[in-house]
């Protein structure tokens, strides 16, 4: 069967964007409510119940936008929003958004429920009810062209640019050619490659957005005196940020870049998009860019990615909330040593036993299986990591520019 003929069953959503999972999302709106929310998730003992939340109790629009985007995500069918009672982000706001999206929802303040045990009992009752109701969700046929897929890399070594990221780039070319949507990020791992990025802009507006995004990232790296390269990268055979950048950029493939997304902004059309996750300049002291892999994965999911790729030469164990995480390595030793956690081995490209086209088709069929309901290794192990820090971004900056253009 050809790739464009592969179908799998998704979940119908009110807004017309089908999902590949049917999650109950438990959201805490402040650190003080995390324990209760986490206990609700743990006691539900169901892989489709997931936790996300924000620790801060002061206003941060980045965090608000991200939580809203996760509530609206097509992989989510029900939402329980748990607050303490005195934080800035109000759980009732989030539950109202879920309701308007046609999703099952409930909210509560722990202060008004009698405390920890009472709140946990109420939350668990809703979750158990929601799981039963979600079994009635209509199913709809989907193809690869219906998917939005995000990619980032972490723990890179010399194989990442030669095999792991190279495979993802070839897959992204195939996905967008079929009519799907691909998102790549980590602009701070493109330092030294401004011209290569800009020339791939799909139109003058996209070229301008990409150039501005690159310039901001370079200023950011200079201001914090840190570029995105680590001792682990050196141990894995990389020597400079430029060398790492070349390997990181190859995961974007070769197709035109349609424009730049801000965190929690969905692509306005299909094709390849660059995600800008660097804090905006005048608030650089308030938040940093991608302090860990899970923040980057959450940023990609917030833009509507049904699932995400994490390319890692040295290996990783993390998963991701809301969108399944597929960990890919080009290092066969890593795949063998971490077989419990690594989902896909791209090393045959390096050994010459399989071509890039053959491996791309294998990855596409694996993605279709995951989208059709097969669990990733991280899902099966219970890895559902997330990370939402304080950050400042003007979500509407590029949209305003597009409208003005």
Protein backbone atom coordinates (compact mmCIF):
# COMPACT_ATOMS: atom_id res chain seq x y z
CA UNK A 1 0.00 0.00 0.00
CA UNK A 2 1.32 3.44 -0.94
CA UNK A 3 1.87 5.97 1.87
CA UNK A 4 -0.90 8.25 0.63
CA UNK A 5 -3.34 5.31 0.81
CA UNK A 6 -2.66 4.41 4.45
CA UNK A 7 -5.62 5.17 6.72
CA UNK A 8 -6.16 4.92 10.46
CA UNK A 9 -8.96 5.85 12.84
CA UNK A 10 -8.88 9.17 14.67
CA UNK A 11 -11.24 10.93 17.07
CA UNK A 12 -13.77 13.46 15.79
CA UNK A 13 -13.64 16.94 17.34
CA UNK A 14 -16.14 19.80 17.25
CA UNK A 15 -13.71 22.15 15.47
CA UNK A 16 -13.12 19.65 12.66
CA UNK A 17 -9.52 18.80 13.57
CA UNK A 18 -9.39 15.08 14.44
CA UNK A 19 -7.12 13.73 17.16
CA UNK A 20 -5.07 10.54 17.41
CA UNK A 21 -5.59 10.13 21.16
CA UNK A 22 -8.61 10.67 23.45
CA UNK A 23 -7.03 12.04 26.60
CA UNK A 24 -8.50 13.29 29.84
CA UNK A 25 -6.28 16.25 30.71
CA UNK A 26 -5.93 17.24 34.37
CA UNK A 27 -4.61 20.80 34.60
CA UNK A 28 -3.32 22.44 37.76
CA UNK A 29 -3.17 26.22 37.72
CA UNK A 30 -0.57 26.79 40.45
CA UNK A 31 2.14 24.75 42.20
CA UNK A 32 0.00 24.57 45.35
CA UNK A 33 -2.59 22.50 43.45
CA UNK A 34 -0.12 20.11 41.84
CA UNK A 35 -0.24 17.43 44.54
CA UNK A 36 -4.01 17.06 44.35
CA UNK A 37 -4.00 17.05 40.54
CA UNK A 38 -1.18 14.51 40.39
CA UNK A 39 -2.93 12.23 42.88
CA UNK A 40 -6.07 12.31 40.73
CA UNK A 41 -4.04 11.24 37.69
CA UNK A 42 -2.10 8.55 39.54
CA UNK A 43 -5.17 7.07 41.22
CA UNK A 44 -7.09 6.93 37.97
CA UNK A 45 -4.51 4.37 36.80
CA UNK A 46 -5.37 4.93 33.15
CA UNK A 47 -2.81 5.78 30.42
CA UNK A 48 -5.25 8.22 28.82
CA UNK A 49 -5.32 10.47 31.89
CA UNK A 50 -2.51 13.03 31.76
CA UNK A 51 -1.23 15.91 33.87
CA UNK A 52 -0.06 19.37 32.86
CA UNK A 53 0.16 22.58 34.82
CA UNK A 54 1.88 25.84 35.63
CA UNK A 55 3.71 26.42 38.91
CA UNK A 56 3.54 30.21 39.09
CA UNK A 57 0.82 32.24 40.78
CA UNK A 58 1.50 35.54 39.00
CA UNK A 59 0.42 36.47 35.48
CA UNK A 60 2.33 35.01 32.55
CA UNK A 61 0.55 35.13 29.19
CA UNK A 62 2.92 32.58 27.67
CA UNK A 63 1.81 29.98 30.23
CA UNK A 64 -1.86 30.91 29.82
CA UNK A 65 -1.64 30.62 26.02
CA UNK A 66 0.13 27.27 26.29
CA UNK A 67 -2.42 25.78 28.70
CA UNK A 68 -5.27 26.98 26.50
CA UNK A 69 -3.65 25.44 23.43
CA UNK A 70 -3.34 22.08 25.22
CA UNK A 71 -6.99 22.20 26.25
CA UNK A 72 -7.94 22.86 22.62
CA UNK A 73 -5.59 20.18 21.32
CA UNK A 74 -7.28 17.52 19.15
CA UNK A 75 -5.77 14.71 21.26
CA UNK A 76 -7.75 15.92 24.30
CA UNK A 77 -11.39 14.94 24.85
CA UNK A 78 -11.99 16.04 28.45
CA UNK A 79 -10.48 18.56 30.87
CA UNK A 80 -10.39 18.81 34.66
CA UNK A 81 -8.96 22.13 35.88
CA UNK A 82 -7.72 22.20 39.48
CA UNK A 83 -6.80 25.40 41.32
CA UNK A 84 -6.04 26.28 44.92
CA UNK A 85 -8.11 29.45 44.96
CA UNK A 86 -5.85 32.50 45.06
CA UNK A 87 -3.68 32.20 41.93
CA UNK A 88 -3.83 34.33 38.79
CA UNK A 89 -4.80 31.60 36.30
CA UNK A 90 -8.40 30.76 37.09
CA UNK A 91 -9.50 27.15 36.53
CA UNK A 92 -13.02 28.26 35.60
CA UNK A 93 -11.61 30.14 32.56
CA UNK A 94 -9.93 26.97 31.34
CA UNK A 95 -13.00 24.79 31.90
CA UNK A 96 -15.17 27.29 29.98
CA UNK A 97 -12.77 27.13 27.02
CA UNK A 98 -12.95 23.33 27.06
CA UNK A 99 -16.75 23.45 27.11
CA UNK A 100 -16.84 25.83 24.15
CA UNK A 101 -14.56 23.40 22.30
CA UNK A 102 -17.15 20.69 22.81
CA UNK A 103 -15.12 18.81 25.41
CA UNK A 104 -16.20 17.38 28.74
CA UNK A 105 -15.04 19.69 31.52
CA UNK A 106 -15.08 20.43 35.21
CA UNK A 107 -13.16 22.80 37.49
CA UNK A 108 -12.65 23.27 41.20
CA UNK A 109 -10.86 25.27 43.88
CA UNK A 110 -9.32 23.06 46.55
CA UNK A 111 -10.05 25.78 49.13
CA UNK A 112 -13.78 25.37 48.44
CA UNK A 113 -13.84 21.57 48.35
CA UNK A 114 -12.83 20.92 51.95
CA UNK A 115 -9.17 20.21 51.34
CA UNK A 116 -6.96 17.53 49.82
CA UNK A 117 -9.02 14.34 50.24
CA UNK A 118 -12.35 15.89 49.23
CA UNK A 119 -10.83 17.53 46.16
CA UNK A 120 -9.13 14.30 45.10
CA UNK A 121 -12.38 12.34 45.45
CA UNK A 122 -14.34 14.88 43.41
CA UNK A 123 -11.67 15.03 40.72
CA UNK A 124 -11.32 11.27 40.50
CA UNK A 125 -15.08 10.88 40.15
CA UNK A 126 -15.09 13.27 37.19
CA UNK A 127 -12.15 11.53 35.54
CA UNK A 128 -13.77 8.09 35.84
CA UNK A 129 -17.03 9.47 34.42
CA UNK A 130 -15.21 11.21 31.58
CA UNK A 131 -13.29 8.05 30.62
CA UNK A 132 -16.58 6.21 30.20
CA UNK A 133 -18.16 9.03 28.18
CA UNK A 134 -15.13 9.33 25.89
CA UNK A 135 -15.69 5.76 24.73
CA UNK A 136 -18.65 7.20 22.81
CA UNK A 137 -16.46 9.63 20.84
CA UNK A 138 -17.13 9.19 17.10
CA UNK A 139 -14.21 7.83 15.07
CA UNK A 140 -13.14 9.28 11.73
CA UNK A 141 -10.69 8.02 9.08
CA UNK A 142 -7.38 9.87 8.90
CA UNK A 143 -4.35 9.82 6.62
CA UNK A 144 -0.74 10.93 7.06
CA UNK A 145 -1.74 14.16 5.30
CA UNK A 146 -4.04 14.97 8.25
CA UNK A 147 -1.18 14.95 10.73
CA UNK A 148 0.76 17.80 12.29
CA UNK A 149 4.17 16.53 13.48
CA UNK A 150 6.83 18.43 15.42
CA UNK A 151 10.53 17.70 15.78
CA UNK A 152 13.43 18.70 17.96
CA UNK A 153 16.76 17.15 18.89
CA UNK A 154 18.49 16.67 22.22
CA UNK A 155 21.61 14.90 23.40
CA UNK A 156 23.05 15.14 19.90
CA UNK A 157 26.17 13.31 18.76
CA UNK A 158 27.91 12.91 15.42
CA UNK A 159 25.20 10.52 14.16
CA UNK A 160 22.37 13.02 14.69
CA UNK A 161 23.12 15.15 11.66
CA UNK A 162 24.16 12.19 9.52
CA UNK A 163 21.29 9.81 10.26
CA UNK A 164 18.70 10.73 12.93
CA UNK A 165 17.97 14.32 11.93
CA UNK A 166 18.61 13.52 8.27
CA UNK A 167 15.89 10.86 8.40
CA UNK A 168 13.41 13.24 10.02
CA UNK A 169 14.20 15.84 7.36
CA UNK A 170 13.53 13.33 4.59
CA UNK A 171 10.32 12.28 6.34
CA UNK A 172 9.21 15.93 6.66
CA UNK A 173 9.72 16.35 2.91
CA UNK A 174 7.50 13.30 2.32
CA UNK A 175 4.89 14.44 4.86
CA UNK A 176 4.53 17.94 3.42
CA UNK A 177 4.50 16.60 -0.14
CA UNK A 178 1.51 14.47 0.89
CA UNK A 179 -0.24 17.58 2.24
CA UNK A 180 0.67 17.23 5.91
CA UNK A 181 2.19 19.77 8.30
CA UNK A 182 5.67 19.72 9.87
CA UNK A 183 7.08 22.00 12.57
CA UNK A 184 10.73 22.25 13.58
CA UNK A 185 12.26 24.44 16.27
CA UNK A 186 15.48 25.23 18.17
CA UNK A 187 16.46 28.39 16.33
CA UNK A 188 19.36 28.75 18.78
CA UNK A 189 20.70 25.58 17.16
CA UNK A 190 20.85 27.28 13.79
CA UNK A 191 23.54 29.80 14.74
CA UNK A 192 25.83 30.42 11.78
CA UNK A 193 23.24 29.36 9.21
CA UNK A 194 21.20 32.54 8.71
CA UNK A 195 21.48 32.65 4.92
CA UNK A 196 20.59 28.97 4.57
CA UNK A 197 17.42 29.51 6.59
CA UNK A 198 16.30 32.76 5.03
CA UNK A 199 16.66 31.59 1.45
CA UNK A 200 14.19 28.79 2.18
CA UNK A 201 11.39 31.21 3.06
CA UNK A 202 8.32 30.52 0.91
CA UNK A 203 7.76 34.22 0.18
CA UNK A 204 9.22 37.63 1.11
CA UNK A 205 7.17 37.81 4.32
CA UNK A 206 8.40 34.39 5.43
CA UNK A 207 12.00 35.34 4.64
CA UNK A 208 11.63 38.49 6.77
CA UNK A 209 10.13 36.53 9.68
CA UNK A 210 12.90 33.93 9.53
CA UNK A 211 15.63 36.57 9.42
CA UNK A 212 14.15 38.48 12.36
CA UNK A 213 13.80 35.25 14.35
CA UNK A 214 17.43 34.30 13.68
CA UNK A 215 18.70 37.76 14.66
CA UNK A 216 16.75 37.67 17.92
CA UNK A 217 18.13 34.21 18.74
CA UNK A 218 21.69 35.34 18.10
CA UNK A 219 21.21 38.39 20.33
CA UNK A 220 19.75 36.12 22.98
CA UNK A 221 22.73 33.74 22.90
CA UNK A 222 25.12 36.67 23.17
CA UNK A 223 23.19 38.21 26.07
CA UNK A 224 23.24 35.02 28.16
CA UNK A 225 26.78 34.11 27.02
CA UNK A 226 25.67 30.63 26.11
CA UNK A 227 25.19 28.80 22.84
CA UNK A 228 23.28 25.57 22.52
CA UNK A 229 26.15 23.13 22.80
CA UNK A 230 27.08 21.03 25.82
CA UNK A 231 29.77 18.70 27.21
CA UNK A 232 27.59 15.77 26.12
CA UNK A 233 27.72 17.03 22.53
CA UNK A 234 31.51 17.23 22.70
CA UNK A 235 31.68 13.70 24.10
CA UNK A 236 29.49 12.58 21.21
CA UNK A 237 31.91 13.91 18.61
CA UNK A 238 30.61 17.44 17.90
CA UNK A 239 33.14 20.26 18.11
CA UNK A 240 31.49 23.65 17.46
CA UNK A 241 28.07 25.29 17.52
CA UNK A 242 28.28 25.64 13.73
CA UNK A 243 28.82 21.89 13.36
CA UNK A 244 25.92 21.18 15.69
CA UNK A 245 23.78 23.72 13.82
CA UNK A 246 24.33 21.97 10.50
CA UNK A 247 23.16 18.69 12.00
CA UNK A 248 20.20 20.29 13.75
CA UNK A 249 18.93 22.16 10.69
CA UNK A 250 18.88 19.06 8.51
CA UNK A 251 15.84 17.80 10.44
CA UNK A 252 13.79 20.50 8.69
CA UNK A 253 14.28 18.78 5.35
CA UNK A 254 14.49 20.78 2.13
CA UNK A 255 11.02 22.18 1.48
CA UNK A 256 10.12 25.90 1.66
CA UNK A 257 9.45 27.30 5.13
CA UNK A 258 5.95 28.80 5.17
CA UNK A 259 6.63 31.17 8.06
CA UNK A 260 7.40 31.43 11.77
CA UNK A 261 5.08 30.31 14.56
CA UNK A 262 5.00 31.57 18.09
CA UNK A 263 4.34 29.14 20.94
CA UNK A 264 0.65 28.12 21.09
CA UNK A 265 0.03 29.38 17.54
CA UNK A 266 -1.34 26.81 15.12
CA UNK A 267 -0.12 26.82 11.50
CA UNK A 268 -2.54 28.69 9.26
CA UNK A 269 -1.94 26.29 6.39
CA UNK A 270 -0.16 23.02 5.67
CA UNK A 271 3.56 22.72 4.90
CA UNK A 272 6.79 23.27 6.83
CA UNK A 273 6.95 25.82 9.67
CA UNK A 274 9.66 27.14 12.00
CA UNK A 275 8.73 27.51 15.68
CA UNK A 276 10.29 30.44 17.51
CA UNK A 277 10.61 29.56 21.20
CA UNK A 278 13.18 32.22 22.15
CA UNK A 279 11.92 34.86 24.62
CA UNK A 280 11.23 38.22 23.03
CA UNK A 281 13.98 40.81 23.56
CA UNK A 282 12.63 43.26 26.07
CA UNK A 283 11.80 40.49 28.53
CA UNK A 284 14.80 38.25 28.06
CA UNK A 285 15.49 38.32 31.78
CA UNK A 286 12.09 36.66 32.36
CA UNK A 287 12.45 33.10 31.11
CA UNK A 288 14.98 31.27 29.00
CA UNK A 289 14.73 29.26 25.82
CA UNK A 290 14.25 25.49 26.07
CA UNK A 291 15.93 24.77 29.42
CA UNK A 292 15.20 21.09 28.79
CA UNK A 293 13.86 18.85 26.04
CA UNK A 294 10.37 18.64 27.51
CA UNK A 295 9.81 22.36 27.30
CA UNK A 296 10.63 22.18 23.60
CA UNK A 297 8.31 19.22 23.12
CA UNK A 298 5.49 21.04 24.92
CA UNK A 299 6.04 24.09 22.71
CA UNK A 300 5.64 21.90 19.61
CA UNK A 301 2.53 20.20 21.00
CA UNK A 302 1.07 23.64 21.80
CA UNK A 303 1.13 24.41 18.08
CA UNK A 304 -1.13 21.42 17.44
CA UNK A 305 1.41 18.64 16.82
CA UNK A 306 -0.39 15.30 17.05
CA UNK A 307 2.93 13.64 17.86
CA UNK A 308 6.53 14.76 18.24
CA UNK A 309 9.95 13.41 17.28
CA UNK A 310 12.89 13.68 19.66
CA UNK A 311 16.13 12.91 17.81
CA UNK A 312 18.92 11.97 20.20
CA UNK A 313 22.27 10.43 19.39
CA UNK A 314 23.20 9.85 23.03
CA UNK A 315 19.77 8.64 24.13
CA UNK A 316 16.84 9.80 26.21
CA UNK A 317 14.03 8.32 28.27
CA UNK A 318 11.43 11.10 28.23
CA UNK A 319 7.96 11.08 26.77
CA UNK A 320 5.53 13.93 26.35
CA UNK A 321 2.11 14.87 27.62
CA UNK A 322 -0.81 15.18 25.15
CA UNK A 323 1.19 14.25 22.01
CA UNK A 324 3.06 10.90 21.85
CA UNK A 325 6.85 11.22 21.64
CA UNK A 326 8.85 9.09 19.19
CA UNK A 327 12.55 8.99 20.10
CA UNK A 328 14.85 8.44 17.12
CA UNK A 329 18.59 7.76 17.17
CA UNK A 330 21.16 7.33 14.45
CA UNK A 331 23.54 5.63 16.87
CA UNK A 332 23.06 1.87 16.91
CA UNK A 333 24.96 1.50 20.20
CA UNK A 334 22.52 3.93 21.81
CA UNK A 335 19.55 2.06 20.38
CA UNK A 336 20.91 -1.27 21.64
CA UNK A 337 21.89 0.04 25.08
CA UNK A 338 18.58 1.87 25.58
CA UNK A 339 16.24 -0.51 23.77
CA UNK A 340 13.65 -0.11 26.53
CA UNK A 341 13.19 3.55 25.62
CA UNK A 342 14.32 4.32 22.08
CA UNK A 343 11.56 3.89 19.50
CA UNK A 344 13.33 4.04 16.15
CA UNK A 345 16.82 3.10 14.95
CA UNK A 346 18.04 5.19 11.99
CA UNK A 347 21.57 3.71 12.02
CA UNK A 348 21.06 1.48 8.93
CA UNK A 349 21.51 4.71 6.95
CA UNK A 350 25.06 5.01 8.30
CA UNK A 351 25.87 1.33 7.79
CA UNK A 352 24.58 1.47 4.23
CA UNK A 353 22.24 -1.49 4.76
CA UNK A 354 19.18 0.63 3.96
CA UNK A 355 18.71 3.76 1.89
CA UNK A 356 17.25 7.00 3.23
CA UNK A 357 14.14 6.39 1.12
CA UNK A 358 13.68 2.91 2.61
CA UNK A 359 14.10 4.23 6.15
CA UNK A 360 11.75 7.13 5.43
CA UNK A 361 9.03 4.70 4.38
CA UNK A 362 9.63 2.60 7.51
CA UNK A 363 9.32 5.68 9.70
CA UNK A 364 6.15 6.79 7.89
CA UNK A 365 4.52 3.41 8.45
CA UNK A 366 5.60 3.44 12.10
CA UNK A 367 4.08 6.92 12.51
CA UNK A 368 0.83 5.67 10.95
CA UNK A 369 0.76 2.79 13.46
CA UNK A 370 1.31 5.16 16.39
CA UNK A 371 -1.33 7.56 15.05
CA UNK A 372 -3.69 4.59 14.75
CA UNK A 373 -3.39 3.82 18.46
CA UNK A 374 -0.23 1.75 18.94
CA UNK A 375 1.63 2.97 22.02
CA UNK A 376 5.12 4.42 21.84
CA UNK A 377 7.61 2.96 24.30
CA UNK A 378 7.41 6.12 26.40
CA UNK A 379 3.61 5.84 26.56
CA UNK A 380 3.80 2.17 27.55
CA UNK A 381 6.30 3.02 30.31
CA UNK A 382 4.17 5.88 31.61
CA UNK A 383 6.47 8.73 30.55
CA UNK A 384 4.25 11.84 30.30
CA UNK A 385 6.71 14.61 31.08
CA UNK A 386 5.92 18.29 30.58
CA UNK A 387 7.54 21.60 31.47
CA UNK A 388 5.99 25.09 31.40
CA UNK A 389 8.27 27.88 32.71
CA UNK A 390 7.78 31.62 32.97
CA UNK A 391 8.53 33.20 29.60
CA UNK A 392 7.59 36.26 27.58
CA UNK A 393 6.49 36.07 23.96
CA UNK A 394 4.27 38.28 21.82
CA UNK A 395 2.11 35.55 20.30
CA UNK A 396 0.55 37.92 17.75
CA UNK A 397 3.72 39.57 16.41
CA UNK A 398 3.97 37.58 13.18
CA UNK A 399 0.22 37.44 12.65
CA UNK A 400 0.13 41.24 12.83
CA UNK A 401 2.94 41.47 10.31
CA UNK A 402 1.16 39.08 7.95
CA UNK A 403 -2.05 41.12 8.15
CA UNK A 404 -0.16 44.34 7.52
CA UNK A 405 1.57 42.75 4.52
